N, C-alpha and C. Protein backbone atom coordinates (compact mmCIF):
# COMPACT_ATOMS: atom_id res chain seq x y z
N UNK A 1 79.66 1.37 81.88
CA UNK A 1 78.28 0.90 81.72
C UNK A 1 78.27 -0.63 81.75
N UNK A 2 77.69 -1.13 82.82
CA UNK A 2 77.77 -2.56 83.02
C UNK A 2 77.10 -3.34 81.91
N UNK A 3 76.07 -2.74 81.31
CA UNK A 3 75.34 -3.44 80.25
C UNK A 3 76.22 -3.77 79.06
N UNK A 4 77.34 -3.07 78.93
CA UNK A 4 78.23 -3.32 77.80
C UNK A 4 79.34 -4.30 78.12
N UNK A 5 79.39 -4.79 79.37
CA UNK A 5 80.55 -5.58 79.79
C UNK A 5 80.74 -6.83 78.96
N UNK A 6 79.67 -7.48 78.61
CA UNK A 6 79.81 -8.71 77.82
C UNK A 6 80.44 -8.44 76.48
N UNK A 7 79.99 -7.39 75.81
CA UNK A 7 80.54 -7.07 74.49
C UNK A 7 81.99 -6.63 74.58
N UNK A 8 82.31 -5.81 75.59
CA UNK A 8 83.67 -5.31 75.70
C UNK A 8 84.64 -6.41 76.10
N UNK A 9 84.21 -7.30 76.98
CA UNK A 9 85.06 -8.43 77.34
C UNK A 9 85.30 -9.31 76.12
N UNK A 10 84.26 -9.52 75.33
CA UNK A 10 84.41 -10.29 74.09
C UNK A 10 85.48 -9.68 73.20
N UNK A 11 85.43 -8.35 73.04
CA UNK A 11 86.40 -7.69 72.18
C UNK A 11 87.82 -7.87 72.70
N UNK A 12 88.00 -7.71 74.00
CA UNK A 12 89.33 -7.84 74.60
C UNK A 12 89.89 -9.23 74.42
N UNK A 13 89.07 -10.21 74.71
CA UNK A 13 89.54 -11.59 74.60
C UNK A 13 89.81 -11.98 73.15
N UNK A 14 88.89 -11.59 72.27
CA UNK A 14 89.01 -12.01 70.88
C UNK A 14 90.21 -11.38 70.20
N UNK A 15 90.53 -10.16 70.56
CA UNK A 15 91.65 -9.50 69.91
C UNK A 15 92.99 -9.92 70.49
N UNK A 16 92.98 -10.46 71.72
CA UNK A 16 94.24 -10.78 72.36
C UNK A 16 94.56 -12.25 72.47
N UNK A 17 93.57 -13.10 72.26
CA UNK A 17 93.76 -14.53 72.48
C UNK A 17 93.18 -15.31 71.31
N UNK A 18 93.65 -16.53 71.08
CA UNK A 18 93.03 -17.37 70.05
C UNK A 18 91.63 -17.76 70.46
N UNK A 19 90.85 -18.13 69.47
CA UNK A 19 89.49 -18.55 69.77
C UNK A 19 89.49 -19.79 70.65
N UNK A 20 88.55 -19.80 71.59
CA UNK A 20 88.37 -20.94 72.47
C UNK A 20 87.22 -21.79 71.95
N UNK A 21 87.13 -22.98 72.45
CA UNK A 21 86.02 -23.85 72.06
C UNK A 21 84.71 -23.24 72.50
N UNK A 22 83.65 -23.52 71.78
CA UNK A 22 82.34 -22.98 72.12
C UNK A 22 81.96 -23.39 73.53
N UNK A 23 81.32 -22.46 74.25
CA UNK A 23 80.97 -22.72 75.64
C UNK A 23 79.83 -23.73 75.75
N UNK A 24 79.02 -23.81 74.76
CA UNK A 24 77.91 -24.75 74.79
C UNK A 24 77.53 -25.10 73.35
N UNK A 25 76.77 -26.14 73.20
CA UNK A 25 76.33 -26.55 71.88
C UNK A 25 75.53 -25.42 71.24
N UNK A 26 75.83 -25.14 69.99
CA UNK A 26 75.08 -24.14 69.25
C UNK A 26 75.64 -22.76 69.32
N UNK A 27 76.66 -22.49 70.16
CA UNK A 27 77.29 -21.18 70.20
C UNK A 27 78.13 -20.96 68.94
N UNK A 28 78.19 -19.71 68.48
CA UNK A 28 79.01 -19.33 67.34
C UNK A 28 79.88 -18.15 67.74
N UNK A 29 81.19 -18.29 67.61
CA UNK A 29 82.12 -17.25 68.07
C UNK A 29 83.20 -17.07 67.01
N UNK A 30 83.28 -15.87 66.42
CA UNK A 30 84.23 -15.63 65.33
C UNK A 30 85.01 -14.34 65.55
N UNK A 31 86.13 -14.22 64.83
CA UNK A 31 86.89 -12.98 64.76
C UNK A 31 87.14 -12.68 63.28
N UNK A 32 86.97 -11.40 62.89
CA UNK A 32 87.21 -10.97 61.51
C UNK A 32 86.34 -11.74 60.51
N UNK A 33 85.06 -11.72 60.77
CA UNK A 33 84.13 -12.36 59.85
C UNK A 33 82.71 -12.22 60.34
N UNK A 34 81.77 -12.28 59.41
CA UNK A 34 80.36 -12.18 59.76
C UNK A 34 79.81 -13.52 60.20
N UNK A 35 78.70 -13.47 60.92
CA UNK A 35 77.99 -14.66 61.38
C UNK A 35 76.59 -14.64 60.78
N UNK A 36 76.16 -15.78 60.28
CA UNK A 36 74.86 -15.89 59.64
C UNK A 36 74.11 -17.08 60.22
N UNK A 37 72.92 -16.80 60.78
CA UNK A 37 72.04 -17.87 61.24
C UNK A 37 70.87 -17.94 60.26
N UNK A 38 70.75 -19.06 59.57
CA UNK A 38 69.78 -19.18 58.49
C UNK A 38 68.34 -19.18 59.00
N UNK A 39 67.43 -18.88 58.11
CA UNK A 39 66.01 -18.80 58.44
C UNK A 39 65.53 -20.09 59.10
N UNK A 40 64.81 -19.91 60.21
CA UNK A 40 64.22 -21.04 60.91
C UNK A 40 65.16 -21.86 61.76
N UNK A 41 66.46 -21.53 61.77
CA UNK A 41 67.44 -22.29 62.54
C UNK A 41 67.54 -21.76 63.96
N UNK A 42 68.23 -22.54 64.83
CA UNK A 42 68.43 -22.15 66.22
C UNK A 42 69.92 -22.15 66.54
N UNK A 43 70.32 -21.23 67.44
CA UNK A 43 71.71 -21.15 67.88
C UNK A 43 71.73 -20.63 69.30
N UNK A 44 72.89 -20.79 69.95
CA UNK A 44 73.06 -20.27 71.31
C UNK A 44 73.53 -18.83 71.27
N UNK A 45 74.65 -18.55 71.95
CA UNK A 45 75.25 -17.22 71.90
C UNK A 45 75.98 -17.05 70.57
N UNK A 46 75.69 -15.96 69.87
CA UNK A 46 76.27 -15.68 68.56
C UNK A 46 77.07 -14.39 68.67
N UNK A 47 78.39 -14.45 68.37
CA UNK A 47 79.21 -13.26 68.54
C UNK A 47 80.35 -13.24 67.55
N UNK A 48 80.82 -12.01 67.26
CA UNK A 48 81.96 -11.84 66.39
C UNK A 48 82.63 -10.51 66.69
N UNK A 49 83.84 -10.34 66.17
CA UNK A 49 84.56 -9.08 66.22
C UNK A 49 84.95 -8.72 64.79
N UNK A 50 84.72 -7.47 64.40
CA UNK A 50 84.99 -7.04 63.03
C UNK A 50 84.15 -7.81 62.01
N UNK A 51 82.86 -7.84 62.27
CA UNK A 51 81.95 -8.51 61.36
C UNK A 51 80.51 -8.30 61.79
N UNK A 52 79.59 -8.55 60.88
CA UNK A 52 78.17 -8.39 61.16
C UNK A 52 77.55 -9.69 61.66
N UNK A 53 76.41 -9.56 62.31
CA UNK A 53 75.62 -10.72 62.72
C UNK A 53 74.27 -10.62 62.03
N UNK A 54 73.94 -11.65 61.23
CA UNK A 54 72.67 -11.70 60.51
C UNK A 54 71.87 -12.89 61.03
N UNK A 55 70.69 -12.61 61.57
CA UNK A 55 69.80 -13.66 62.06
C UNK A 55 68.56 -13.60 61.19
N UNK A 56 68.40 -14.59 60.35
CA UNK A 56 67.35 -14.54 59.33
C UNK A 56 65.96 -14.77 59.91
N UNK A 57 64.96 -14.60 59.07
CA UNK A 57 63.56 -14.67 59.48
C UNK A 57 63.25 -15.99 60.19
N UNK A 58 62.58 -15.88 61.33
CA UNK A 58 62.13 -17.05 62.06
C UNK A 58 63.20 -17.78 62.84
N UNK A 59 64.45 -17.36 62.75
CA UNK A 59 65.52 -18.01 63.51
C UNK A 59 65.44 -17.62 64.98
N UNK A 60 66.04 -18.44 65.84
CA UNK A 60 66.03 -18.21 67.28
C UNK A 60 67.46 -18.34 67.80
N UNK A 61 67.95 -17.30 68.51
CA UNK A 61 69.27 -17.36 69.13
C UNK A 61 69.14 -16.92 70.58
N UNK A 62 70.21 -17.17 71.35
CA UNK A 62 70.21 -16.67 72.72
C UNK A 62 70.66 -15.21 72.69
N UNK A 63 71.93 -14.94 72.82
CA UNK A 63 72.44 -13.58 72.72
C UNK A 63 73.17 -13.40 71.39
N UNK A 64 73.08 -12.19 70.84
CA UNK A 64 73.82 -11.87 69.62
C UNK A 64 74.57 -10.57 69.84
N UNK A 65 75.89 -10.56 69.56
CA UNK A 65 76.68 -9.36 69.80
C UNK A 65 77.86 -9.30 68.84
N UNK A 66 78.34 -8.07 68.62
CA UNK A 66 79.51 -7.87 67.79
C UNK A 66 80.21 -6.59 68.19
N UNK A 67 81.47 -6.48 67.79
CA UNK A 67 82.23 -5.25 67.89
C UNK A 67 82.64 -4.86 66.48
N UNK A 68 82.36 -3.63 66.09
CA UNK A 68 82.64 -3.16 64.72
C UNK A 68 81.82 -3.93 63.69
N UNK A 69 80.52 -3.88 63.87
CA UNK A 69 79.62 -4.54 62.92
C UNK A 69 78.17 -4.34 63.31
N UNK A 70 77.28 -4.59 62.37
CA UNK A 70 75.85 -4.45 62.59
C UNK A 70 75.24 -5.76 63.06
N UNK A 71 74.09 -5.66 63.73
CA UNK A 71 73.30 -6.82 64.12
C UNK A 71 71.92 -6.68 63.49
N UNK A 72 71.50 -7.69 62.74
CA UNK A 72 70.20 -7.67 62.09
C UNK A 72 69.39 -8.87 62.53
N UNK A 73 68.22 -8.60 63.10
CA UNK A 73 67.29 -9.65 63.51
C UNK A 73 66.14 -9.65 62.52
N UNK A 74 65.97 -10.75 61.81
CA UNK A 74 64.99 -10.81 60.73
C UNK A 74 63.55 -10.85 61.20
N UNK A 75 62.64 -10.85 60.24
CA UNK A 75 61.21 -10.88 60.55
C UNK A 75 60.87 -12.10 61.40
N UNK A 76 60.20 -11.86 62.51
CA UNK A 76 59.73 -12.89 63.43
C UNK A 76 60.86 -13.73 64.02
N UNK A 77 62.09 -13.25 63.93
CA UNK A 77 63.21 -13.93 64.60
C UNK A 77 63.21 -13.53 66.08
N UNK A 78 63.92 -14.34 66.91
CA UNK A 78 63.89 -14.12 68.35
C UNK A 78 65.29 -14.20 68.95
N UNK A 79 65.51 -13.40 70.01
CA UNK A 79 66.76 -13.44 70.76
C UNK A 79 66.47 -12.98 72.18
N UNK A 80 67.40 -13.27 73.09
CA UNK A 80 67.24 -12.79 74.46
C UNK A 80 67.91 -11.44 74.66
N UNK A 81 69.02 -11.17 73.93
CA UNK A 81 69.70 -9.87 74.02
C UNK A 81 70.41 -9.59 72.70
N UNK A 82 70.52 -8.31 72.36
CA UNK A 82 71.31 -7.88 71.21
C UNK A 82 72.23 -6.75 71.64
N UNK A 83 73.48 -6.76 71.14
CA UNK A 83 74.40 -5.68 71.48
C UNK A 83 75.48 -5.50 70.44
N UNK A 84 75.92 -4.25 70.27
CA UNK A 84 77.03 -3.97 69.37
C UNK A 84 77.77 -2.74 69.84
N UNK A 85 79.06 -2.69 69.52
CA UNK A 85 79.88 -1.49 69.67
C UNK A 85 80.30 -1.07 68.26
N UNK A 86 79.98 0.15 67.88
CA UNK A 86 80.29 0.64 66.53
C UNK A 86 79.53 -0.12 65.45
N UNK A 87 78.22 -0.03 65.52
CA UNK A 87 77.39 -0.67 64.52
C UNK A 87 75.92 -0.45 64.82
N UNK A 88 75.08 -0.65 63.81
CA UNK A 88 73.64 -0.47 63.94
C UNK A 88 72.97 -1.78 64.35
N UNK A 89 71.77 -1.64 64.91
CA UNK A 89 70.93 -2.80 65.23
C UNK A 89 69.57 -2.60 64.57
N UNK A 90 69.10 -3.64 63.87
CA UNK A 90 67.81 -3.56 63.20
C UNK A 90 66.97 -4.78 63.56
N UNK A 91 65.73 -4.54 63.96
CA UNK A 91 64.77 -5.62 64.20
C UNK A 91 63.73 -5.58 63.09
N UNK A 92 63.53 -6.72 62.43
CA UNK A 92 62.55 -6.81 61.37
C UNK A 92 61.14 -6.90 61.90
N UNK A 93 60.21 -6.96 60.97
CA UNK A 93 58.79 -7.03 61.32
C UNK A 93 58.51 -8.22 62.24
N UNK A 94 57.93 -7.94 63.40
CA UNK A 94 57.60 -9.00 64.33
C UNK A 94 58.78 -9.62 65.05
N UNK A 95 59.98 -9.06 64.89
CA UNK A 95 61.14 -9.56 65.62
C UNK A 95 60.97 -9.34 67.12
N UNK A 96 61.50 -10.27 67.91
CA UNK A 96 61.29 -10.19 69.36
C UNK A 96 62.61 -10.40 70.10
N UNK A 97 62.88 -9.49 71.06
CA UNK A 97 64.01 -9.62 71.97
C UNK A 97 63.45 -9.56 73.38
N UNK A 98 63.65 -10.61 74.15
CA UNK A 98 63.03 -10.66 75.48
C UNK A 98 63.74 -9.75 76.48
N UNK A 99 65.04 -9.47 76.27
CA UNK A 99 65.81 -8.64 77.18
C UNK A 99 66.18 -7.31 76.56
N UNK A 100 67.45 -6.91 76.78
CA UNK A 100 67.92 -5.57 76.39
C UNK A 100 68.48 -5.54 74.98
N UNK A 101 68.44 -4.35 74.38
CA UNK A 101 69.06 -4.06 73.09
C UNK A 101 69.94 -2.83 73.28
N UNK A 102 71.24 -2.98 73.02
CA UNK A 102 72.18 -1.89 73.30
C UNK A 102 73.16 -1.69 72.16
N UNK A 103 73.35 -0.44 71.75
CA UNK A 103 74.34 -0.10 70.74
C UNK A 103 75.16 1.08 71.23
N UNK A 104 76.46 1.06 70.93
CA UNK A 104 77.31 2.23 71.17
C UNK A 104 77.74 2.73 69.79
N UNK A 105 77.53 3.99 69.53
CA UNK A 105 77.89 4.55 68.23
C UNK A 105 77.17 3.83 67.09
N UNK A 106 75.85 3.73 67.22
CA UNK A 106 75.08 3.09 66.18
C UNK A 106 73.59 3.30 66.37
N UNK A 107 72.85 3.28 65.28
CA UNK A 107 71.41 3.45 65.34
C UNK A 107 70.72 2.16 65.76
N UNK A 108 69.47 2.30 66.21
CA UNK A 108 68.62 1.15 66.54
C UNK A 108 67.26 1.40 65.88
N UNK A 109 66.82 0.44 65.08
CA UNK A 109 65.55 0.60 64.37
C UNK A 109 64.68 -0.63 64.55
N UNK A 110 63.43 -0.39 64.93
CA UNK A 110 62.45 -1.45 65.14
C UNK A 110 61.34 -1.32 64.12
N UNK A 111 61.14 -2.38 63.32
CA UNK A 111 60.09 -2.38 62.32
C UNK A 111 58.73 -2.67 62.96
N UNK A 112 57.72 -2.58 62.16
CA UNK A 112 56.34 -2.76 62.64
C UNK A 112 56.18 -4.09 63.37
N UNK A 113 55.61 -4.02 64.56
CA UNK A 113 55.34 -5.22 65.35
C UNK A 113 56.53 -5.77 66.09
N UNK A 114 57.70 -5.16 65.98
CA UNK A 114 58.87 -5.62 66.74
C UNK A 114 58.65 -5.36 68.22
N UNK A 115 59.25 -6.22 69.05
CA UNK A 115 59.01 -6.15 70.48
C UNK A 115 60.32 -6.34 71.24
N UNK A 116 60.65 -5.40 72.13
CA UNK A 116 61.80 -5.51 73.02
C UNK A 116 61.29 -5.50 74.44
N UNK A 117 61.53 -6.59 75.17
CA UNK A 117 61.01 -6.69 76.52
C UNK A 117 61.79 -5.87 77.53
N UNK A 118 63.10 -5.67 77.28
CA UNK A 118 63.95 -4.93 78.20
C UNK A 118 64.21 -3.51 77.75
N UNK A 119 65.38 -2.99 78.14
CA UNK A 119 65.74 -1.60 77.84
C UNK A 119 66.33 -1.49 76.44
N UNK A 120 66.05 -0.35 75.81
CA UNK A 120 66.59 -0.03 74.49
C UNK A 120 67.46 1.21 74.65
N UNK A 121 68.77 1.09 74.38
CA UNK A 121 69.61 2.26 74.60
C UNK A 121 70.84 2.29 73.73
N UNK A 122 71.32 3.52 73.50
CA UNK A 122 72.56 3.73 72.79
C UNK A 122 73.23 5.00 73.31
N UNK A 123 74.38 5.33 72.72
CA UNK A 123 75.05 6.58 73.05
C UNK A 123 74.86 7.57 71.91
N UNK A 124 75.22 7.17 70.70
CA UNK A 124 75.07 7.99 69.50
C UNK A 124 74.29 7.21 68.45
N UNK A 125 73.48 7.92 67.68
CA UNK A 125 72.74 7.28 66.61
C UNK A 125 71.25 7.35 66.86
N UNK A 126 70.49 7.34 65.78
CA UNK A 126 69.04 7.46 65.88
C UNK A 126 68.42 6.20 66.47
N UNK A 127 67.36 6.39 67.24
CA UNK A 127 66.52 5.30 67.72
C UNK A 127 65.13 5.52 67.11
N UNK A 128 64.65 4.53 66.35
CA UNK A 128 63.39 4.70 65.62
C UNK A 128 62.50 3.49 65.85
N UNK A 129 61.27 3.75 66.30
CA UNK A 129 60.25 2.71 66.46
C UNK A 129 59.14 2.95 65.45
N UNK A 130 58.76 1.91 64.75
CA UNK A 130 57.67 1.99 63.78
C UNK A 130 56.57 1.02 64.21
N UNK A 131 55.58 1.55 64.93
CA UNK A 131 54.50 0.70 65.46
C UNK A 131 55.08 -0.49 66.21
N UNK A 132 56.07 -0.22 67.06
CA UNK A 132 56.78 -1.25 67.80
C UNK A 132 56.59 -1.04 69.30
N UNK A 133 57.11 -2.00 70.09
CA UNK A 133 56.93 -1.96 71.55
C UNK A 133 58.27 -2.12 72.25
N UNK A 134 58.47 -1.32 73.30
CA UNK A 134 59.64 -1.44 74.17
C UNK A 134 59.14 -1.48 75.61
N UNK A 135 59.53 -2.51 76.35
CA UNK A 135 59.00 -2.69 77.71
C UNK A 135 59.85 -2.11 78.82
N UNK A 136 61.14 -1.81 78.53
CA UNK A 136 62.04 -1.41 79.61
C UNK A 136 62.57 0.00 79.50
N UNK A 137 61.94 0.85 78.71
CA UNK A 137 62.37 2.22 78.58
C UNK A 137 63.43 2.41 77.50
N UNK A 138 63.65 3.67 77.14
CA UNK A 138 64.61 4.06 76.11
C UNK A 138 65.55 5.10 76.69
N UNK A 139 66.85 4.97 76.38
CA UNK A 139 67.79 6.00 76.80
C UNK A 139 68.85 6.22 75.73
N UNK A 140 69.38 7.45 75.69
CA UNK A 140 70.46 7.81 74.79
C UNK A 140 71.23 8.96 75.41
N UNK A 141 72.36 9.29 74.79
CA UNK A 141 73.11 10.47 75.18
C UNK A 141 73.03 11.52 74.09
N UNK A 142 73.29 11.14 72.86
CA UNK A 142 73.38 12.11 71.78
C UNK A 142 72.58 11.70 70.55
N UNK A 143 71.63 10.77 70.71
CA UNK A 143 70.87 10.30 69.57
C UNK A 143 69.48 10.90 69.51
N UNK A 144 68.94 11.03 68.31
CA UNK A 144 67.54 11.38 68.14
C UNK A 144 66.67 10.16 68.43
N UNK A 145 65.48 10.40 68.95
CA UNK A 145 64.54 9.31 69.24
C UNK A 145 63.22 9.60 68.55
N UNK A 146 62.73 8.62 67.78
CA UNK A 146 61.41 8.73 67.17
C UNK A 146 60.56 7.55 67.64
N UNK A 147 59.57 7.83 68.47
CA UNK A 147 58.59 6.83 68.86
C UNK A 147 57.45 6.99 67.88
N UNK A 148 57.51 6.19 66.82
CA UNK A 148 56.61 6.40 65.69
C UNK A 148 55.16 6.08 65.99
N UNK A 149 54.32 6.36 65.02
CA UNK A 149 52.88 6.17 65.15
C UNK A 149 52.54 4.77 65.64
N UNK A 150 51.63 4.72 66.63
CA UNK A 150 51.11 3.46 67.17
C UNK A 150 52.14 2.66 67.95
N UNK A 151 53.28 3.24 68.26
CA UNK A 151 54.28 2.55 69.09
C UNK A 151 53.91 2.70 70.57
N UNK A 152 54.51 1.83 71.37
CA UNK A 152 54.25 1.86 72.82
C UNK A 152 55.55 1.63 73.58
N UNK A 153 55.81 2.48 74.56
CA UNK A 153 57.01 2.38 75.39
C UNK A 153 56.61 2.40 76.85
N UNK A 154 57.05 1.41 77.60
CA UNK A 154 56.91 1.43 79.05
C UNK A 154 58.28 1.67 79.67
N UNK A 155 58.31 2.39 80.77
CA UNK A 155 59.59 2.66 81.42
C UNK A 155 60.17 4.02 81.09
N UNK A 156 59.45 4.83 80.31
CA UNK A 156 59.85 6.19 80.06
C UNK A 156 61.01 6.34 79.09
N UNK A 157 61.50 7.58 79.00
CA UNK A 157 62.61 7.94 78.13
C UNK A 157 63.59 8.79 78.93
N UNK A 158 64.89 8.53 78.78
CA UNK A 158 65.92 9.34 79.42
C UNK A 158 66.94 9.75 78.37
N UNK A 159 67.29 11.03 78.35
CA UNK A 159 68.41 11.51 77.55
C UNK A 159 69.46 12.01 78.54
N UNK A 160 70.59 11.30 78.57
CA UNK A 160 71.64 11.58 79.56
C UNK A 160 72.48 12.79 79.16
N UNK A 161 73.08 13.42 80.16
CA UNK A 161 74.01 14.52 79.93
C UNK A 161 75.35 13.95 79.50
N UNK A 162 75.95 14.48 78.42
CA UNK A 162 77.26 13.97 77.99
C UNK A 162 78.31 14.23 79.06
N UNK A 163 79.27 13.32 79.12
CA UNK A 163 80.36 13.48 80.07
C UNK A 163 81.57 12.70 79.59
N UNK A 164 82.76 13.10 80.01
CA UNK A 164 83.97 12.39 79.62
C UNK A 164 84.15 12.45 78.12
N UNK A 165 84.53 11.31 77.54
CA UNK A 165 84.78 11.29 76.09
C UNK A 165 83.51 11.36 75.27
N UNK A 166 82.29 11.28 75.94
CA UNK A 166 81.04 11.44 75.21
C UNK A 166 80.69 12.92 75.00
N UNK A 167 81.52 13.83 75.51
CA UNK A 167 81.15 15.23 75.49
C UNK A 167 81.17 15.83 74.08
N UNK A 168 81.96 15.23 73.17
CA UNK A 168 82.03 15.78 71.81
C UNK A 168 80.64 15.74 71.17
N UNK A 169 80.34 16.79 70.40
CA UNK A 169 79.06 16.85 69.71
C UNK A 169 77.89 17.25 70.59
N UNK A 170 78.17 17.57 71.87
CA UNK A 170 77.08 17.80 72.81
C UNK A 170 76.35 19.12 72.58
N UNK A 171 76.91 20.02 71.74
CA UNK A 171 76.24 21.29 71.46
C UNK A 171 74.94 21.07 70.69
N UNK A 172 74.85 20.02 69.92
CA UNK A 172 73.65 19.69 69.15
C UNK A 172 72.55 19.19 70.09
N UNK A 173 71.33 19.66 69.87
CA UNK A 173 70.21 19.23 70.69
C UNK A 173 69.54 18.01 70.06
N UNK A 174 69.48 16.89 70.75
CA UNK A 174 68.76 15.73 70.21
C UNK A 174 67.29 16.07 69.95
N UNK A 175 66.74 15.48 68.90
CA UNK A 175 65.33 15.65 68.56
C UNK A 175 64.55 14.43 69.03
N UNK A 176 63.54 14.66 69.85
CA UNK A 176 62.70 13.59 70.37
C UNK A 176 61.29 13.78 69.81
N UNK A 177 60.79 12.78 69.08
CA UNK A 177 59.47 12.88 68.46
C UNK A 177 58.60 11.73 68.96
N UNK A 178 57.43 12.08 69.46
CA UNK A 178 56.43 11.07 69.87
C UNK A 178 55.28 11.18 68.89
N UNK A 179 55.10 10.14 68.06
CA UNK A 179 54.19 10.22 66.93
C UNK A 179 52.73 9.99 67.26
N UNK A 180 51.88 10.06 66.24
CA UNK A 180 50.44 9.92 66.42
C UNK A 180 50.05 8.59 67.07
N UNK A 181 49.20 8.70 68.08
CA UNK A 181 48.65 7.54 68.79
C UNK A 181 49.72 6.70 69.49
N UNK A 182 50.92 7.22 69.60
CA UNK A 182 51.96 6.53 70.38
C UNK A 182 51.70 6.73 71.87
N UNK A 183 52.21 5.79 72.66
CA UNK A 183 52.04 5.86 74.12
C UNK A 183 53.41 5.69 74.76
N UNK A 184 53.77 6.62 75.65
CA UNK A 184 54.98 6.49 76.45
C UNK A 184 54.57 6.55 77.92
N UNK A 185 54.65 5.42 78.60
CA UNK A 185 54.34 5.36 80.02
C UNK A 185 55.61 5.58 80.83
N UNK A 186 55.51 6.31 81.92
CA UNK A 186 56.68 6.64 82.72
C UNK A 186 57.18 8.03 82.39
N UNK A 187 58.19 8.46 83.12
CA UNK A 187 58.71 9.83 82.99
C UNK A 187 59.59 9.99 81.77
N UNK A 188 59.44 11.11 81.10
CA UNK A 188 60.35 11.52 80.02
C UNK A 188 61.32 12.52 80.66
N UNK A 189 62.55 12.09 80.92
CA UNK A 189 63.51 12.90 81.67
C UNK A 189 64.67 13.29 80.76
N UNK A 190 64.95 14.59 80.72
CA UNK A 190 65.98 15.12 79.83
C UNK A 190 67.02 15.86 80.66
N UNK A 191 68.22 15.27 80.72
CA UNK A 191 69.30 15.83 81.54
C UNK A 191 70.22 16.73 80.74
N UNK A 192 69.80 17.06 79.54
CA UNK A 192 70.46 18.02 78.67
C UNK A 192 69.38 18.65 77.81
N UNK A 193 69.72 19.70 77.07
CA UNK A 193 68.73 20.35 76.22
C UNK A 193 68.36 19.45 75.04
N UNK A 194 67.06 19.37 74.78
CA UNK A 194 66.55 18.61 73.63
C UNK A 194 65.42 19.42 72.99
N UNK A 195 65.02 18.97 71.81
CA UNK A 195 63.79 19.46 71.18
C UNK A 195 62.77 18.32 71.27
N UNK A 196 61.67 18.58 71.97
CA UNK A 196 60.66 17.54 72.21
C UNK A 196 59.38 17.89 71.48
N UNK A 197 59.01 17.05 70.50
CA UNK A 197 57.80 17.27 69.72
C UNK A 197 56.86 16.08 69.92
N UNK A 198 55.63 16.38 70.32
CA UNK A 198 54.67 15.34 70.69
C UNK A 198 53.38 15.54 69.91
N UNK A 199 52.91 14.47 69.25
CA UNK A 199 51.65 14.52 68.53
C UNK A 199 50.50 14.83 69.48
N UNK A 200 49.52 15.56 68.95
CA UNK A 200 48.37 15.88 69.78
C UNK A 200 47.48 14.67 70.05
N UNK A 201 47.77 13.52 69.40
CA UNK A 201 47.02 12.29 69.70
C UNK A 201 47.83 11.29 70.51
N UNK A 202 49.06 11.63 70.87
CA UNK A 202 49.91 10.74 71.66
C UNK A 202 49.58 10.87 73.15
N UNK A 203 49.99 9.85 73.90
CA UNK A 203 49.85 9.88 75.35
C UNK A 203 51.23 9.72 75.97
N UNK A 204 51.60 10.63 76.87
CA UNK A 204 52.92 10.55 77.50
C UNK A 204 52.79 10.77 79.01
N UNK A 205 53.84 10.35 79.73
CA UNK A 205 53.91 10.58 81.16
C UNK A 205 54.47 11.94 81.48
N UNK A 206 54.87 12.16 82.75
CA UNK A 206 55.43 13.45 83.17
C UNK A 206 56.71 13.77 82.40
N UNK A 207 56.95 15.06 82.14
CA UNK A 207 58.13 15.51 81.43
C UNK A 207 59.00 16.34 82.36
N UNK A 208 60.31 15.99 82.42
CA UNK A 208 61.27 16.75 83.21
C UNK A 208 62.40 17.25 82.31
N UNK A 209 62.66 18.55 82.36
CA UNK A 209 63.82 19.10 81.67
C UNK A 209 63.60 19.52 80.24
N UNK A 210 62.36 19.54 79.78
CA UNK A 210 62.09 19.96 78.39
C UNK A 210 60.68 20.54 78.29
N UNK A 211 60.45 21.30 77.24
CA UNK A 211 59.14 21.87 76.96
C UNK A 211 58.52 21.12 75.78
N UNK A 212 57.28 20.68 75.96
CA UNK A 212 56.58 19.93 74.91
C UNK A 212 56.13 20.89 73.82
N UNK A 213 56.45 20.53 72.56
CA UNK A 213 55.93 21.26 71.40
C UNK A 213 54.96 20.31 70.69
N UNK A 214 53.68 20.67 70.69
CA UNK A 214 52.65 19.82 70.09
C UNK A 214 52.63 19.98 68.57
N UNK A 215 52.24 18.91 67.88
CA UNK A 215 52.05 18.98 66.43
C UNK A 215 50.86 18.13 66.01
N UNK A 216 50.25 18.48 64.90
CA UNK A 216 49.18 17.69 64.32
C UNK A 216 49.67 17.00 63.05
N UNK A 217 48.88 16.07 62.54
CA UNK A 217 49.27 15.37 61.32
C UNK A 217 50.19 14.20 61.62
N UNK A 218 50.75 13.65 60.53
CA UNK A 218 51.55 12.42 60.64
C UNK A 218 52.92 12.65 61.26
N UNK A 219 53.49 13.84 61.04
CA UNK A 219 54.83 14.11 61.55
C UNK A 219 55.00 15.62 61.75
N UNK A 220 55.96 16.02 62.60
CA UNK A 220 56.14 17.45 62.84
C UNK A 220 56.72 18.17 61.64
């Protein structure tokens, strides 16, 4: 998966070589430790291996990534891309990512008013939107997806068929929920069996590979 190349190259270099000088002013690059960007501050590329990345409220960074750690984008903080291998990603209220958000073996959660301009995807772990927006579609292999009430997704939803080393756990059917007044534009394509539950007040595009089960009220 080419989208993971930056994170995987980081892991290979960091584990095998000493740290190099920062590529540009404001970059932060660590091994075996967390990275913290304080509220209202600015930084370039922020990365670590075996540690978390915390970007506090109102801070602005370019890319943020880690291997074996979580990435947290605070309320109204901004980044161009977020990525992790073996860790969760959380966007706070009003947090904004102009590009892609990617996790392998980790959940992705968007709080109210959070905005992702690019694609939102993972392999394993829940994906949850709470009155949030995603502009580039959502994809997973083995994760549940909840497009919560008043959320909006452009670019559709794809659930990929497990293959290779992702095949473990594939007997379980992912649960896909489209909540009240949520909108999903584009095709909802399921390349494996899923359970698809859609609010009777939601709006969705064409569905391939699954049967819609309608529900009323706040949740199924």
